């Protein structure tokens, strides 16, 4: 029993002489000599309360200056940088190029919202304007107002539908075309022949002006 107690005391004495390395969410290595349990509890509290987001500019690998070695901070080896939430004012992303991790760098955007934004982009064939985010399922006015200033669209490369070759199912896959409009487009094509220009879509019944303006950038005639 006495030997066990002595071993524990010797262990604590040795541990107190070494630095403890704590890995924080922003991938910085903090070295601290914890002399008391109070120091440890305070640092743990600061760690839990810290808030960081990430972007695509820094490696997940962090060097240890003392040992000269590198070690993986995260299992994912993609390159990311962690941003403190309070330093997000300068973050700007191209809405058509940002991935889910980029979007999560914005305050209020978690994994679920990020996946929805990217999924809707894929359904559309690309965003033409930032305001289309309002059409994303679950998007609130507050969240949109918060993230819109951090998003831009530069030279969008949209995926387009050919009015003369797409079938009903392919047309309906687009968020702006429902079954009835898709059927009307196909019927017009059968009755009057191939579309000569995208503007011929104006002749299709069931197509209102608002939908026409929204859908026109995603259409082509070949």
Protein backbone atom coordinates (compact mmCIF):
# COMPACT_ATOMS: atom_id res chain seq x y z
CA UNK A 1 0.00 0.00 0.00
CA UNK A 2 2.80 2.39 0.94
CA UNK A 3 4.63 1.58 -2.32
CA UNK A 4 1.51 2.44 -4.35
CA UNK A 5 1.09 5.77 -2.59
CA UNK A 6 4.74 6.62 -3.16
CA UNK A 7 4.45 5.70 -6.84
CA UNK A 8 1.45 8.01 -7.28
CA UNK A 9 3.22 10.88 -5.53
CA UNK A 10 6.34 10.40 -7.65
CA UNK A 11 4.17 10.33 -10.78
CA UNK A 12 2.50 13.66 -9.92
CA UNK A 13 5.89 15.17 -9.13
CA UNK A 14 7.31 14.14 -12.52
CA UNK A 15 4.19 15.26 -14.44
CA UNK A 16 4.30 18.72 -12.87
CA UNK A 17 7.75 19.30 -14.38
CA UNK A 18 6.57 18.78 -17.96
CA UNK A 19 4.46 21.00 -20.22
CA UNK A 20 1.05 19.80 -21.21
CA UNK A 21 0.08 20.31 -24.87
CA UNK A 22 -3.55 21.21 -25.51
CA UNK A 23 -5.00 21.10 -29.01
CA UNK A 24 -7.48 23.88 -29.64
CA UNK A 25 -10.07 24.02 -32.48
CA UNK A 26 -8.01 26.60 -34.36
CA UNK A 27 -5.15 24.11 -34.64
CA UNK A 28 -2.80 26.20 -32.53
CA UNK A 29 -0.73 24.37 -29.95
CA UNK A 30 -0.83 25.95 -26.50
CA UNK A 31 1.81 24.89 -24.01
CA UNK A 32 1.05 25.54 -20.36
CA UNK A 33 2.62 24.45 -17.11
CA UNK A 34 -0.36 23.41 -15.04
CA UNK A 35 0.74 23.91 -11.43
CA UNK A 36 -2.76 23.64 -9.97
CA UNK A 37 -6.06 22.02 -10.84
CA UNK A 38 -7.56 25.53 -10.99
CA UNK A 39 -5.29 26.37 -13.96
CA UNK A 40 -6.45 23.25 -15.78
CA UNK A 41 -10.15 23.91 -15.11
CA UNK A 42 -9.85 27.51 -16.33
CA UNK A 43 -8.09 26.50 -19.55
CA UNK A 44 -10.64 23.74 -20.16
CA UNK A 45 -13.43 26.29 -19.70
CA UNK A 46 -11.83 28.64 -22.26
CA UNK A 47 -11.40 25.73 -24.67
CA UNK A 48 -15.07 24.74 -24.45
CA UNK A 49 -16.26 28.33 -24.88
CA UNK A 50 -14.06 29.10 -27.88
CA UNK A 51 -15.78 29.37 -31.24
CA UNK A 52 -13.99 28.77 -34.51
CA UNK A 53 -14.93 28.30 -38.15
CA UNK A 54 -12.81 27.12 -41.04
CA UNK A 55 -11.87 27.83 -44.64
CA UNK A 56 -9.75 26.28 -47.35
CA UNK A 57 -6.28 27.75 -46.79
CA UNK A 58 -4.32 25.98 -44.07
CA UNK A 59 -3.08 22.45 -43.53
CA UNK A 60 -4.51 20.24 -40.83
CA UNK A 61 -0.93 19.37 -39.92
CA UNK A 62 0.68 21.38 -37.14
CA UNK A 63 4.41 21.51 -36.37
CA UNK A 64 5.77 21.10 -32.85
CA UNK A 65 8.43 23.79 -32.53
CA UNK A 66 10.26 22.02 -29.70
CA UNK A 67 10.51 18.58 -31.27
CA UNK A 68 10.63 19.62 -34.90
CA UNK A 69 8.02 16.96 -35.65
CA UNK A 70 4.60 17.28 -37.24
CA UNK A 71 1.45 15.54 -36.21
CA UNK A 72 -2.11 15.34 -37.59
CA UNK A 73 -4.50 17.56 -35.69
CA UNK A 74 -7.47 16.07 -37.53
CA UNK A 75 -7.88 12.83 -39.46
CA UNK A 76 -9.04 14.73 -42.56
CA UNK A 77 -5.94 15.78 -44.51
CA UNK A 78 -7.64 18.45 -46.59
CA UNK A 79 -6.36 21.97 -46.15
CA UNK A 80 -8.46 24.21 -43.91
CA UNK A 81 -8.02 27.28 -41.75
CA UNK A 82 -9.99 27.94 -38.60
CA UNK A 83 -11.42 31.43 -38.14
CA UNK A 84 -12.61 32.84 -34.80
CA UNK A 85 -16.24 33.87 -35.21
CA UNK A 86 -15.47 37.46 -34.27
CA UNK A 87 -13.05 37.72 -37.22
CA UNK A 88 -15.46 36.77 -40.00
CA UNK A 89 -16.17 40.26 -41.34
CA UNK A 90 -13.69 39.86 -44.20
CA UNK A 91 -14.82 36.37 -45.26
CA UNK A 92 -16.16 36.35 -48.82
CA UNK A 93 -17.10 33.20 -50.75
CA UNK A 94 -18.29 32.61 -54.29
CA UNK A 95 -21.67 30.97 -53.81
CA UNK A 96 -21.19 28.74 -56.85
CA UNK A 97 -17.77 27.49 -55.75
CA UNK A 98 -17.99 27.26 -51.96
CA UNK A 99 -18.24 23.77 -50.52
CA UNK A 100 -20.04 22.77 -47.34
CA UNK A 101 -16.99 23.40 -45.15
CA UNK A 102 -16.51 26.88 -46.59
CA UNK A 103 -20.15 27.72 -45.88
CA UNK A 104 -19.86 26.51 -42.29
CA UNK A 105 -17.23 29.20 -41.74
CA UNK A 106 -20.13 31.64 -41.69
CA UNK A 107 -21.87 32.26 -38.40
CA UNK A 108 -25.21 30.50 -38.19
CA UNK A 109 -24.50 27.98 -40.95
CA UNK A 110 -24.12 24.45 -39.63
CA UNK A 111 -23.64 21.18 -41.55
CA UNK A 112 -27.37 20.85 -42.32
CA UNK A 113 -27.77 24.35 -43.80
CA UNK A 114 -24.51 24.00 -45.73
CA UNK A 115 -25.68 20.73 -47.32
CA UNK A 116 -29.03 22.28 -48.26
CA UNK A 117 -27.38 25.29 -49.90
CA UNK A 118 -25.08 23.08 -51.98
CA UNK A 119 -27.87 20.62 -52.83
CA UNK A 120 -30.14 23.42 -54.05
CA UNK A 121 -27.27 24.81 -56.13
CA UNK A 122 -26.93 21.41 -57.80
CA UNK A 123 -30.66 21.23 -58.53
CA UNK A 124 -30.69 24.72 -60.02
CA UNK A 125 -27.58 24.21 -62.08
CA UNK A 126 -25.87 27.08 -60.28
CA UNK A 127 -26.99 30.27 -58.56
CA UNK A 128 -27.57 33.38 -60.66
CA UNK A 129 -27.97 35.70 -57.67
CA UNK A 130 -27.47 35.50 -53.92
CA UNK A 131 -31.17 36.13 -53.26
CA UNK A 132 -31.92 32.60 -54.47
CA UNK A 133 -30.71 31.49 -51.05
CA UNK A 134 -34.12 32.56 -49.77
CA UNK A 135 -35.53 29.58 -51.69
CA UNK A 136 -33.39 27.08 -49.77
CA UNK A 137 -35.53 24.94 -47.48
CA UNK A 138 -35.53 26.28 -43.92
CA UNK A 139 -33.72 29.52 -44.74
CA UNK A 140 -34.85 32.27 -42.37
CA UNK A 141 -34.81 36.01 -43.01
CA UNK A 142 -32.41 36.47 -40.12
CA UNK A 143 -29.92 33.91 -41.36
CA UNK A 144 -30.09 35.20 -44.93
CA UNK A 145 -29.42 38.77 -43.79
CA UNK A 146 -26.48 37.51 -41.75
CA UNK A 147 -24.70 35.49 -44.44
CA UNK A 148 -25.63 37.35 -47.66
CA UNK A 149 -22.91 40.03 -47.22
CA UNK A 150 -20.29 37.25 -47.22
CA UNK A 151 -21.43 35.69 -50.52
CA UNK A 152 -20.89 36.77 -54.11
CA UNK A 153 -21.42 35.30 -57.58
CA UNK A 154 -18.71 35.80 -60.20
CA UNK A 155 -19.04 34.58 -63.78
CA UNK A 156 -21.58 31.82 -63.08
CA UNK A 157 -21.22 28.74 -65.26
CA UNK A 158 -24.81 27.49 -65.26
CA UNK A 159 -25.96 24.03 -66.26
CA UNK A 160 -28.62 24.56 -68.92
CA UNK A 161 -31.60 22.59 -70.20
CA UNK A 162 -32.10 22.16 -73.93
CA UNK A 163 -35.76 22.90 -74.68
CA UNK A 164 -35.70 20.70 -77.77
CA UNK A 165 -34.24 17.53 -76.25
CA UNK A 166 -35.16 17.31 -72.55
CA UNK A 167 -38.02 15.02 -71.53
CA UNK A 168 -40.63 15.69 -68.85
CA UNK A 169 -38.63 14.03 -66.09
CA UNK A 170 -35.51 16.03 -66.90
CA UNK A 171 -37.43 19.30 -67.06
CA UNK A 172 -39.21 18.58 -63.78
CA UNK A 173 -35.87 18.03 -62.03
CA UNK A 174 -35.39 21.79 -62.12
CA UNK A 175 -36.88 23.61 -59.09
CA UNK A 176 -38.64 26.19 -61.29
CA UNK A 177 -40.45 23.70 -63.53
CA UNK A 178 -43.35 21.63 -62.19
CA UNK A 179 -45.12 18.75 -63.93
CA UNK A 180 -47.73 20.92 -65.64
CA UNK A 181 -45.22 23.38 -67.07
CA UNK A 182 -42.95 20.56 -68.22
CA UNK A 183 -45.89 18.87 -69.94
CA UNK A 184 -46.88 22.16 -71.63
CA UNK A 185 -43.32 22.62 -72.95
CA UNK A 186 -43.25 19.12 -74.40
CA UNK A 187 -46.72 19.55 -75.92
CA UNK A 188 -45.73 22.86 -77.53
CA UNK A 189 -42.66 21.19 -79.00
CA UNK A 190 -44.76 18.40 -80.48
CA UNK A 191 -47.46 20.68 -81.84
CA UNK A 192 -45.35 23.50 -83.25
CA UNK A 193 -41.95 21.94 -83.83
CA UNK A 194 -38.58 22.74 -82.33
CA UNK A 195 -37.98 25.94 -80.39
CA UNK A 196 -36.03 28.38 -82.53
CA UNK A 197 -34.94 30.53 -79.61
CA UNK A 198 -35.37 30.52 -75.85
CA UNK A 199 -37.75 33.47 -76.04
CA UNK A 200 -40.27 31.19 -77.82
CA UNK A 201 -41.03 29.84 -74.38
CA UNK A 202 -43.18 32.93 -73.90
CA UNK A 203 -45.75 31.25 -76.16
CA UNK A 204 -46.20 28.35 -73.77
CA UNK A 205 -49.33 28.67 -71.65
CA UNK A 206 -49.07 28.22 -67.86
CA UNK A 207 -45.82 30.21 -67.86
CA UNK A 208 -46.16 33.46 -65.91
CA UNK A 209 -43.73 36.37 -66.16
CA UNK A 210 -42.11 35.74 -62.77
CA UNK A 211 -41.30 32.11 -63.56
CA UNK A 212 -40.09 33.06 -67.03
CA UNK A 213 -37.56 35.54 -65.63
CA UNK A 214 -36.32 32.99 -63.13
CA UNK A 215 -36.02 30.07 -65.55
CA UNK A 216 -34.67 31.81 -68.65
CA UNK A 217 -30.98 31.78 -67.56
CA UNK A 218 -31.14 27.98 -67.28
CA UNK A 219 -32.49 27.30 -70.77
CA UNK A 220 -30.94 26.98 -74.18
CA UNK A 221 -31.91 25.90 -77.71
CA UNK A 222 -29.70 23.69 -79.86
